[in-house]
Amino acid sequence: MNKKIEKITTYLVLLLLVYGIYQLDIDQLWSIQVNWFSFLAFLIFFCYLIFSLKKAAKQQDLQKGK
């Protein structure tokens, strides 16, 4: 069950990232008022990426210890 939730979460975060890229207004790139959703999507993606990398490193350390 845990793997299923992780897979669904991963797909949702990637979908959010793609939608954030699609909604990005390149003419007003640094405007938070216009691109707030895109910035939020990028932030969520990077936080999830860091979480996933830390989790993978922890699992690798546990496997090396065995």
C-alpha atoms as a PDB file:
ATOM      1  CA  MET A   1       0.000   0.000   0.000  1.00  0.00           C
ATOM      2  CA  ASN A   2       2.825   2.389   0.815  1.00  0.00           C
ATOM      3  CA  LYS A   3       4.409   1.908  -2.619  1.00  0.00           C
ATOM      4  CA  LYS A   4       1.062   2.643  -4.266  1.00  0.00           C
ATOM      5  CA  ILE A   5       0.712   5.942  -2.386  1.00  0.00           C
ATOM      6  CA  GLU A   6       4.286   6.907  -3.295  1.00  0.00           C
ATOM      7  CA  LYS A   7       3.634   6.176  -6.958  1.00  0.00           C
ATOM      8  CA  ILE A   8       0.420   8.231  -6.977  1.00  0.00           C
ATOM      9  CA  THR A   9       2.175  11.104  -5.199  1.00  0.00           C
ATOM     10  CA  THR A  10       5.014  11.021  -7.711  1.00  0.00           C
ATOM     11  CA  TYR A  11       2.616  11.167 -10.657  1.00  0.00           C
ATOM     12  CA  LEU A  12       0.675  14.033  -9.080  1.00  0.00           C
ATOM     13  CA  VAL A  13       3.832  16.052  -8.419  1.00  0.00           C
ATOM     14  CA  LEU A  14       5.039  15.505 -11.982  1.00  0.00           C
ATOM     15  CA  LEU A  15       1.628  16.463 -13.358  1.00  0.00           C
ATOM     16  CA  LEU A  16       1.701  19.601 -11.216  1.00  0.00           C
ATOM     17  CA  LEU A  17       5.153  20.444 -12.574  1.00  0.00           C
ATOM     18  CA  VAL A  18       4.045  20.030 -16.188  1.00  0.00           C
ATOM     19  CA  TYR A  19       0.926  22.110 -15.594  1.00  0.00           C
ATOM     20  CA  GLY A  20       3.050  24.791 -13.887  1.00  0.00           C
ATOM     21  CA  ILE A  21       5.359  24.916 -16.902  1.00  0.00           C
ATOM     22  CA  TYR A  22       2.344  25.121 -19.210  1.00  0.00           C
ATOM     23  CA  GLN A  23       0.844  28.021 -17.215  1.00  0.00           C
ATOM     24  CA  LEU A  24       4.125  29.966 -17.010  1.00  0.00           C
ATOM     25  CA  ASP A  25       3.882  33.378 -18.673  1.00  0.00           C
ATOM     26  CA  ILE A  26       7.328  33.947 -20.163  1.00  0.00           C
ATOM     27  CA  ASP A  27       6.654  37.619 -20.933  1.00  0.00           C
ATOM     28  CA  GLN A  28       6.306  38.374 -17.222  1.00  0.00           C
ATOM     29  CA  LEU A  29       8.666  35.698 -15.951  1.00  0.00           C
ATOM     30  CA  TRP A  30       9.534  37.199 -12.554  1.00  0.00           C
ATOM     31  CA  SER A  31       6.046  38.463 -11.709  1.00  0.00           C
ATOM     32  CA  ILE A  32       4.748  36.539  -8.719  1.00  0.00           C
ATOM     33  CA  GLN A  33       1.258  37.986  -9.213  1.00  0.00           C
ATOM     34  CA  VAL A  34       1.034  36.435 -12.680  1.00  0.00           C
ATOM     35  CA  ASN A  35       3.076  33.247 -12.224  1.00  0.00           C
ATOM     36  CA  TRP A  36       2.303  32.369  -8.606  1.00  0.00           C
ATOM     37  CA  PHE A  37       0.948  28.925  -9.460  1.00  0.00           C
ATOM     38  CA  SER A  38       3.983  28.058 -11.577  1.00  0.00           C
ATOM     39  CA  PHE A  39       6.353  29.134  -8.810  1.00  0.00           C
ATOM     40  CA  LEU A  40       4.381  27.087  -6.292  1.00  0.00           C
ATOM     41  CA  ALA A  41       4.501  24.048  -8.591  1.00  0.00           C
ATOM     42  CA  PHE A  42       8.279  24.396  -9.008  1.00  0.00           C
ATOM     43  CA  LEU A  43       8.739  24.729  -5.248  1.00  0.00           C
ATOM     44  CA  ILE A  44       6.651  21.629  -4.549  1.00  0.00           C
ATOM     45  CA  PHE A  45       8.576  19.687  -7.199  1.00  0.00           C
ATOM     46  CA  PHE A  46      11.982  20.638  -5.788  1.00  0.00           C
ATOM     47  CA  CYS A  47      10.913  19.826  -2.224  1.00  0.00           C
ATOM     48  CA  TYR A  48       9.640  16.427  -3.365  1.00  0.00           C
ATOM     49  CA  LEU A  49      12.851  15.858  -5.323  1.00  0.00           C
ATOM     50  CA  ILE A  50      14.988  16.561  -2.249  1.00  0.00           C
ATOM     51  CA  PHE A  51      12.742  14.308  -0.133  1.00  0.00           C
ATOM     52  CA  SER A  52      13.026  11.493  -2.684  1.00  0.00           C
ATOM     53  CA  LEU A  53      16.808  11.795  -2.951  1.00  0.00           C
ATOM     54  CA  LYS A  54      17.219  11.704   0.828  1.00  0.00           C
ATOM     55  CA  LYS A  55      14.958   8.668   1.040  1.00  0.00           C
ATOM     56  CA  ALA A  56      16.891   6.875  -1.716  1.00  0.00           C
ATOM     57  CA  ALA A  57      20.209   7.659  -0.025  1.00  0.00           C
ATOM     58  CA  LYS A  58      18.894   6.314   3.266  1.00  0.00           C
ATOM     59  CA  GLN A  59      17.704   3.092   1.617  1.00  0.00           C
ATOM     60  CA  GLN A  60      21.073   2.684  -0.105  1.00  0.00           C
ATOM     61  CA  ASP A  61      22.902   3.136   3.201  1.00  0.00           C
ATOM     62  CA  LEU A  62      20.682   0.487   4.802  1.00  0.00           C
ATOM     63  CA  GLN A  63      21.411  -1.943   1.962  1.00  0.00           C
ATOM     64  CA  LYS A  64      25.164  -1.369   2.228  1.00  0.00           C
ATOM     65  CA  GLY A  65      24.996  -2.089   5.944  1.00  0.00           C
ATOM     66  CA  LYS A  66      23.515  -5.545   5.367  1.00  0.00           C
END
